[in-house]
Amino acid sequence: MLVIKIGSTIKYRDNFGCGAQRTTIVRGIQHCAMQGAKDGEAVQSIAWYAKNYGCFDLANGHWCYGKQIDVMEV
């Protein structure tokens, strides 16, 4: 099973998924009860299939929703 963990390198699209693809590292994960929420339970990892329930703090000083994540580099 593919899992996004703190420290994982991801490619995401900024500007709520409409921007250019950027590469960065995940620094924090909130597992939320609803898709599109920003506040939830702080977790160390989240399954790829559940990423849309995540809000991610990123090493580049930004954050994103799980639906903005395109690729996880392995």
PDB file of N, CA and C in Angstrom:
ATOM      1  N   MET A   1       0.847  -1.173   0.000  1.00  0.00           N
ATOM      2  CA  MET A   1       0.000   0.000   0.000  1.00  0.00           C
ATOM      3  C   MET A   1       0.894   1.239   0.000  1.00  0.00           C
ATOM      4  N   LEU A   2       0.579   2.184  -0.852  1.00  0.00           N
ATOM      5  CA  LEU A   2       1.316   3.433  -0.959  1.00  0.00           C
ATOM      6  C   LEU A   2       0.870   4.378   0.154  1.00  0.00           C
ATOM      7  N   VAL A   3       1.842   4.969   0.862  1.00  0.00           N
ATOM      8  CA  VAL A   3       1.562   5.822   2.014  1.00  0.00           C
ATOM      9  C   VAL A   3       2.357   7.117   1.889  1.00  0.00           C
ATOM     10  N   ILE A   4       1.717   8.237   2.162  1.00  0.00           N
ATOM     11  CA  ILE A   4       2.405   9.523   2.232  1.00  0.00           C
ATOM     12  C   ILE A   4       2.768   9.743   3.697  1.00  0.00           C
ATOM     13  N   LYS A   5       4.067   9.931   3.968  1.00  0.00           N
ATOM     14  CA  LYS A   5       4.548  10.105   5.337  1.00  0.00           C
ATOM     15  C   LYS A   5       5.207  11.473   5.484  1.00  0.00           C
ATOM     16  N   ILE A   6       5.350  11.909   6.721  1.00  0.00           N
ATOM     17  CA  ILE A   6       6.155  13.095   6.968  1.00  0.00           C
ATOM     18  C   ILE A   6       7.554  12.786   6.466  1.00  0.00           C
ATOM     19  N   GLY A   7       8.099  13.667   5.641  1.00  0.00           N
ATOM     20  CA  GLY A   7       9.399  13.438   5.023  1.00  0.00           C
ATOM     21  C   GLY A   7       9.316  12.959   3.584  1.00  0.00           C
ATOM     22  N   SER A   8       8.110  12.584   3.124  1.00  0.00           N
ATOM     23  CA  SER A   8       7.931  12.144   1.735  1.00  0.00           C
ATOM     24  C   SER A   8       8.112  13.323   0.782  1.00  0.00           C
ATOM     25  N   THR A   9       8.714  13.063  -0.359  1.00  0.00           N
ATOM     26  CA  THR A   9       8.831  14.060  -1.418  1.00  0.00           C
ATOM     27  C   THR A   9       7.636  13.904  -2.342  1.00  0.00           C
ATOM     28  N   ILE A  10       6.943  15.015  -2.578  1.00  0.00           N
ATOM     29  CA  ILE A  10       5.744  14.991  -3.415  1.00  0.00           C
ATOM     30  C   ILE A  10       5.828  16.043  -4.512  1.00  0.00           C
ATOM     31  N   LYS A  11       5.000  15.869  -5.518  1.00  0.00           N
ATOM     32  CA  LYS A  11       4.762  16.889  -6.527  1.00  0.00           C
ATOM     33  C   LYS A  11       3.305  17.288  -6.399  1.00  0.00           C
ATOM     34  N   TYR A  12       3.079  18.589  -6.253  1.00  0.00           N
ATOM     35  CA  TYR A  12       1.717  19.088  -6.078  1.00  0.00           C
ATOM     36  C   TYR A  12       1.519  20.312  -6.961  1.00  0.00           C
ATOM     37  N   ARG A  13       0.282  20.685  -7.132  1.00  0.00           N
ATOM     38  CA  ARG A  13      -0.052  21.884  -7.906  1.00  0.00           C
ATOM     39  C   ARG A  13      -0.572  22.942  -6.947  1.00  0.00           C
ATOM     40  N   ASP A  14       0.112  24.088  -6.930  1.00  0.00           N
ATOM     41  CA  ASP A  14      -0.326  25.164  -6.053  1.00  0.00           C
ATOM     42  C   ASP A  14      -1.559  25.843  -6.637  1.00  0.00           C
ATOM     43  N   ASN A  15      -1.987  26.940  -6.012  1.00  0.00           N
ATOM     44  CA  ASN A  15      -3.152  27.690  -6.481  1.00  0.00           C
ATOM     45  C   ASN A  15      -4.397  26.794  -6.534  1.00  0.00           C
ATOM     46  N   PHE A  16      -4.577  26.017  -5.464  1.00  0.00           N
ATOM     47  CA  PHE A  16      -5.718  25.098  -5.322  1.00  0.00           C
ATOM     48  C   PHE A  16      -5.834  24.106  -6.475  1.00  0.00           C
ATOM     49  N   GLY A  17      -4.684  23.655  -6.974  1.00  0.00           N
ATOM     50  CA  GLY A  17      -4.640  22.630  -8.004  1.00  0.00           C
ATOM     51  C   GLY A  17      -4.583  23.149  -9.420  1.00  0.00           C
ATOM     52  N   CYS A  18      -4.610  24.477  -9.598  1.00  0.00           N
ATOM     53  CA  CYS A  18      -4.615  25.068 -10.938  1.00  0.00           C
ATOM     54  C   CYS A  18      -3.249  25.590 -11.359  1.00  0.00           C
ATOM     55  N   GLY A  19      -2.291  25.618 -10.451  1.00  0.00           N
ATOM     56  CA  GLY A  19      -0.983  26.204 -10.730  1.00  0.00           C
ATOM     57  C   GLY A  19       0.007  25.200 -11.293  1.00  0.00           C
ATOM     58  N   ALA A  20       1.225  25.673 -11.393  1.00  0.00           N
ATOM     59  CA  ALA A  20       2.319  24.842 -11.895  1.00  0.00           C
ATOM     60  C   ALA A  20       2.657  23.756 -10.879  1.00  0.00           C
ATOM     61  N   GLN A  21       3.144  22.647 -11.371  1.00  0.00           N
ATOM     62  CA  GLN A  21       3.533  21.548 -10.501  1.00  0.00           C
ATOM     63  C   GLN A  21       4.848  21.896  -9.803  1.00  0.00           C
ATOM     64  N   ARG A  22       4.900  21.680  -8.494  1.00  0.00           N
ATOM     65  CA  ARG A  22       6.084  21.968  -7.691  1.00  0.00           C
ATOM     66  C   ARG A  22       6.476  20.723  -6.910  1.00  0.00           C
ATOM     67  N   THR A  23       7.753  20.619  -6.607  1.00  0.00           N
ATOM     68  CA  THR A  23       8.257  19.507  -5.811  1.00  0.00           C
ATOM     69  C   THR A  23       8.651  20.025  -4.434  1.00  0.00           C
ATOM     70  N   THR A  24       8.260  19.308  -3.393  1.00  0.00           N
ATOM     71  CA  THR A  24       8.604  19.690  -2.021  1.00  0.00           C
ATOM     72  C   THR A  24       8.495  18.477  -1.107  1.00  0.00           C
ATOM     73  N   ILE A  25       8.755  18.692   0.168  1.00  0.00           N
ATOM     74  CA  ILE A  25       8.722  17.634   1.174  1.00  0.00           C
ATOM     75  C   ILE A  25       7.583  17.899   2.149  1.00  0.00           C
ATOM     76  N   VAL A  26       6.891  16.841   2.548  1.00  0.00           N
ATOM     77  CA  VAL A  26       5.794  16.941   3.518  1.00  0.00           C
ATOM     78  C   VAL A  26       6.395  17.114   4.916  1.00  0.00           C
ATOM     79  N   ARG A  27       5.961  18.141   5.634  1.00  0.00           N
ATOM     80  CA  ARG A  27       6.444  18.427   6.996  1.00  0.00           C
ATOM     81  C   ARG A  27       5.380  18.165   8.058  1.00  0.00           C
ATOM     82  N   GLY A  28       4.116  18.072   7.665  1.00  0.00           N
ATOM     83  CA  GLY A  28       3.040  17.787   8.608  1.00  0.00           C
ATOM     84  C   GLY A  28       1.802  17.327   7.872  1.00  0.00           C
ATOM     85  N   ILE A  29       0.991  16.507   8.539  1.00  0.00           N
ATOM     86  CA  ILE A  29      -0.238  15.976   7.932  1.00  0.00           C
ATOM     87  C   ILE A  29      -1.370  16.080   8.934  1.00  0.00           C
ATOM     88  N   GLN A  30      -2.490  16.629   8.499  1.00  0.00           N
ATOM     89  CA  GLN A  30      -3.729  16.646   9.270  1.00  0.00           C
ATOM     90  C   GLN A  30      -4.715  15.710   8.566  1.00  0.00           C
ATOM     91  N   HIS A  31      -5.208  14.699   9.268  1.00  0.00           N
ATOM     92  CA  HIS A  31      -6.236  13.819   8.721  1.00  0.00           C
ATOM     93  C   HIS A  31      -7.586  14.390   9.135  1.00  0.00           C
ATOM     94  N   CYS A  32      -8.366  14.832   8.164  1.00  0.00           N
ATOM     95  CA  CYS A  32      -9.613  15.557   8.410  1.00  0.00           C
ATOM     96  C   CYS A  32     -10.823  14.653   8.193  1.00  0.00           C
ATOM     97  N   ALA A  33     -11.905  14.968   8.864  1.00  0.00           N
ATOM     98  CA  ALA A  33     -13.136  14.182   8.741  1.00  0.00           C
ATOM     99  C   ALA A  33     -13.810  14.383   7.386  1.00  0.00           C
ATOM    100  N   MET A  34     -13.611  15.558   6.783  1.00  0.00           N
ATOM    101  CA  MET A  34     -14.236  15.863   5.499  1.00  0.00           C
ATOM    102  C   MET A  34     -13.179  16.317   4.491  1.00  0.00           C
ATOM    103  N   GLN A  35     -13.394  16.003   3.228  1.00  0.00           N
ATOM    104  CA  GLN A  35     -12.509  16.492   2.177  1.00  0.00           C
ATOM    105  C   GLN A  35     -12.592  18.010   2.117  1.00  0.00           C
ATOM    106  N   GLY A  36     -11.457  18.655   1.931  1.00  0.00           N
ATOM    107  CA  GLY A  36     -11.423  20.100   1.822  1.00  0.00           C
ATOM    108  C   GLY A  36     -11.344  20.820   3.156  1.00  0.00           C
ATOM    109  N   ALA A  37     -11.285  20.074   4.254  1.00  0.00           N
ATOM    110  CA  ALA A  37     -11.123  20.698   5.571  1.00  0.00           C
ATOM    111  C   ALA A  37      -9.638  20.918   5.845  1.00  0.00           C
ATOM    112  N   LYS A  38      -9.328  21.879   6.710  1.00  0.00           N
ATOM    113  CA  LYS A  38      -7.934  22.169   7.037  1.00  0.00           C
ATOM    114  C   LYS A  38      -7.546  21.677   8.424  1.00  0.00           C
ATOM    115  N   ASP A  39      -8.506  21.482   9.291  1.00  0.00           N
ATOM    116  CA  ASP A  39      -8.220  21.091  10.666  1.00  0.00           C
ATOM    117  C   ASP A  39      -8.663  19.657  10.900  1.00  0.00           C
ATOM    118  N   GLY A  40      -7.775  18.904  11.510  1.00  0.00           N
ATOM    119  CA  GLY A  40      -8.079  17.517  11.812  1.00  0.00           C
ATOM    120  C   GLY A  40      -7.089  16.988  12.823  1.00  0.00           C
ATOM    121  N   GLU A  41      -6.907  15.697  12.810  1.00  0.00           N
ATOM    122  CA  GLU A  41      -5.988  15.035  13.726  1.00  0.00           C
ATOM    123  C   GLU A  41      -4.599  14.974  13.095  1.00  0.00           C
ATOM    124  N   ALA A  42      -3.600  15.424  13.828  1.00  0.00           N
ATOM    125  CA  ALA A  42      -2.218  15.340  13.339  1.00  0.00           C
ATOM    126  C   ALA A  42      -1.806  13.871  13.302  1.00  0.00           C
ATOM    127  N   VAL A  43      -1.307  13.436  12.140  1.00  0.00           N
ATOM    128  CA  VAL A  43      -0.879  12.048  11.958  1.00  0.00           C
ATOM    129  C   VAL A  43       0.511  12.030  11.328  1.00  0.00           C
ATOM    130  N   GLN A  44       1.177  10.894  11.408  1.00  0.00           N
ATOM    131  CA  GLN A  44       2.509  10.720  10.828  1.00  0.00           C
ATOM    132  C   GLN A  44       2.448  10.296   9.370  1.00  0.00           C
ATOM    133  N   SER A  45       1.327   9.671   8.972  1.00  0.00           N
ATOM    134  CA  SER A  45       1.198   9.182   7.594  1.00  0.00           C
ATOM    135  C   SER A  45      -0.279   9.056   7.234  1.00  0.00           C
ATOM    136  N   ILE A  46      -0.523   8.956   5.924  1.00  0.00           N
ATOM    137  CA  ILE A  46      -1.882   8.766   5.421  1.00  0.00           C
ATOM    138  C   ILE A  46      -1.788   7.931   4.146  1.00  0.00           C
ATOM    139  N   ALA A  47      -2.710   7.003   3.975  1.00  0.00           N
ATOM    140  CA  ALA A  47      -2.708   6.151   2.784  1.00  0.00           C
ATOM    141  C   ALA A  47      -2.990   6.989   1.536  1.00  0.00           C
ATOM    142  N   TRP A  48      -2.373   6.608   0.429  1.00  0.00           N
ATOM    143  CA  TRP A  48      -2.553   7.345  -0.825  1.00  0.00           C
ATOM    144  C   TRP A  48      -4.035   7.449  -1.191  1.00  0.00           C
ATOM    145  N   TYR A  49      -4.790   6.367  -1.010  1.00  0.00           N
ATOM    146  CA  TYR A  49      -6.205   6.387  -1.399  1.00  0.00           C
ATOM    147  C   TYR A  49      -7.030   7.323  -0.509  1.00  0.00           C
ATOM    148  N   ALA A  50      -6.505   7.718   0.662  1.00  0.00           N
ATOM    149  CA  ALA A  50      -7.222   8.613   1.575  1.00  0.00           C
ATOM    150  C   ALA A  50      -6.644  10.024   1.567  1.00  0.00           C
ATOM    151  N   LYS A  51      -5.746  10.326   0.628  1.00  0.00           N
ATOM    152  CA  LYS A  51      -5.054  11.620   0.630  1.00  0.00           C
ATOM    153  C   LYS A  51      -6.005  12.804   0.511  1.00  0.00           C
ATOM    154  N   ASN A  52      -7.166  12.626  -0.095  1.00  0.00           N
ATOM    155  CA  ASN A  52      -8.115  13.730  -0.232  1.00  0.00           C
ATOM    156  C   ASN A  52      -8.710  14.162   1.108  1.00  0.00           C
ATOM    157  N   TYR A  53      -8.504  13.360   2.145  1.00  0.00           N
ATOM    158  CA  TYR A  53      -8.929  13.717   3.499  1.00  0.00           C
ATOM    159  C   TYR A  53      -7.780  14.344   4.284  1.00  0.00           C
ATOM    160  N   GLY A  54      -6.677  14.647   3.601  1.00  0.00           N
ATOM    161  CA  GLY A  54      -5.515  15.220   4.256  1.00  0.00           C
ATOM    162  C   GLY A  54      -5.297  16.678   3.902  1.00  0.00           C
ATOM    163  N   CYS A  55      -4.703  17.384   4.841  1.00  0.00           N
ATOM    164  CA  CYS A  55      -4.198  18.733   4.615  1.00  0.00           C
ATOM    165  C   CYS A  55      -2.726  18.669   4.998  1.00  0.00           C
ATOM    166  N   PHE A  56      -1.851  19.094   4.104  1.00  0.00           N
ATOM    167  CA  PHE A  56      -0.423  18.859   4.233  1.00  0.00           C
ATOM    168  C   PHE A  56       0.349  20.161   4.400  1.00  0.00           C
ATOM    169  N   ASP A  57       1.194  20.215   5.429  1.00  0.00           N
ATOM    170  CA  ASP A  57       2.135  21.322   5.596  1.00  0.00           C
ATOM    171  C   ASP A  57       3.399  20.951   4.829  1.00  0.00           C
ATOM    172  N   LEU A  58       3.930  21.904   4.084  1.00  0.00           N
ATOM    173  CA  LEU A  58       5.024  21.614   3.166  1.00  0.00           C
ATOM    174  C   LEU A  58       6.298  22.359   3.549  1.00  0.00           C
ATOM    175  N   ALA A  59       7.445  21.812   3.169  1.00  0.00           N
ATOM    176  CA  ALA A  59       8.741  22.382   3.514  1.00  0.00           C
ATOM    177  C   ALA A  59       8.987  23.734   2.851  1.00  0.00           C
ATOM    178  N   ASN A  60       8.269  24.054   1.796  1.00  0.00           N
ATOM    179  CA  ASN A  60       8.469  25.330   1.103  1.00  0.00           C
ATOM    180  C   ASN A  60       7.651  26.467   1.727  1.00  0.00           C
ATOM    181  N   GLY A  61       7.054  26.204   2.901  1.00  0.00           N
ATOM    182  CA  GLY A  61       6.301  27.239   3.604  1.00  0.00           C
ATOM    183  C   GLY A  61       4.836  27.314   3.223  1.00  0.00           C
ATOM    184  N   HIS A  62       4.398  26.460   2.333  1.00  0.00           N
ATOM    185  CA  HIS A  62       3.007  26.445   1.899  1.00  0.00           C
ATOM    186  C   HIS A  62       2.296  25.231   2.489  1.00  0.00           C
ATOM    187  N   TRP A  63       1.028  25.093   2.176  1.00  0.00           N
ATOM    188  CA  TRP A  63       0.242  23.921   2.531  1.00  0.00           C
ATOM    189  C   TRP A  63      -0.605  23.569   1.326  1.00  0.00           C
ATOM    190  N   CYS A  64      -1.124  22.358   1.310  1.00  0.00           N
ATOM    191  CA  CYS A  64      -2.010  21.959   0.214  1.00  0.00           C
ATOM    192  C   CYS A  64      -2.991  20.909   0.702  1.00  0.00           C
ATOM    193  N   TYR A  65      -4.084  20.788  -0.030  1.00  0.00           N
ATOM    194  CA  TYR A  65      -5.028  19.697   0.169  1.00  0.00           C
ATOM    195  C   TYR A  65      -4.511  18.462  -0.561  1.00  0.00           C
ATOM    196  N   GLY A  66      -4.967  17.303  -0.135  1.00  0.00           N
ATOM    197  CA  GLY A  66      -4.538  16.064  -0.766  1.00  0.00           C
ATOM    198  C   GLY A  66      -4.864  15.983  -2.240  1.00  0.00           C
ATOM    199  N   LYS A  67      -5.981  16.581  -2.656  1.00  0.00           N
ATOM    200  CA  LYS A  67      -6.361  16.519  -4.069  1.00  0.00           C
ATOM    201  C   LYS A  67      -5.375  17.277  -4.960  1.00  0.00           C
ATOM    202  N   GLN A  68      -4.540  18.143  -4.381  1.00  0.00           N
ATOM    203  CA  GLN A  68      -3.556  18.881  -5.148  1.00  0.00           C
ATOM    204  C   GLN A  68      -2.283  18.073  -5.402  1.00  0.00           C
ATOM    205  N   ILE A  69      -2.127  16.947  -4.704  1.00  0.00           N
ATOM    206  CA  ILE A  69      -0.926  16.130  -4.856  1.00  0.00           C
ATOM    207  C   ILE A  69      -1.073  15.229  -6.060  1.00  0.00           C
ATOM    208  N   ASP A  70      -0.128  15.359  -7.010  1.00  0.00           N
ATOM    209  CA  ASP A  70      -0.159  14.567  -8.241  1.00  0.00           C
ATOM    210  C   ASP A  70       0.650  13.277  -8.094  1.00  0.00           C
ATOM    211  N   VAL A  71       1.839  13.386  -7.527  1.00  0.00           N
ATOM    212  CA  VAL A  71       2.803  12.284  -7.531  1.00  0.00           C
ATOM    213  C   VAL A  71       3.549  12.271  -6.213  1.00  0.00           C
ATOM    214  N   MET A  72       3.888  11.081  -5.758  1.00  0.00           N
ATOM    215  CA  MET A  72       4.804  10.935  -4.638  1.00  0.00           C
ATOM    216  C   MET A  72       6.048  10.257  -5.168  1.00  0.00           C
ATOM    217  N   GLU A  73       7.197  10.879  -4.965  1.00  0.00           N
ATOM    218  CA  GLU A  73       8.450  10.291  -5.438  1.00  0.00           C
ATOM    219  C   GLU A  73       8.896   9.218  -4.463  1.00  0.00           C
ATOM    220  N   VAL A  74       9.255   8.062  -5.001  1.00  0.00           N
ATOM    221  CA  VAL A  74       9.652   6.931  -4.157  1.00  0.00           C
ATOM    222  C   VAL A  74      11.152   6.823  -4.133  1.00  0.00           C
TER     223      VAL A  74
END
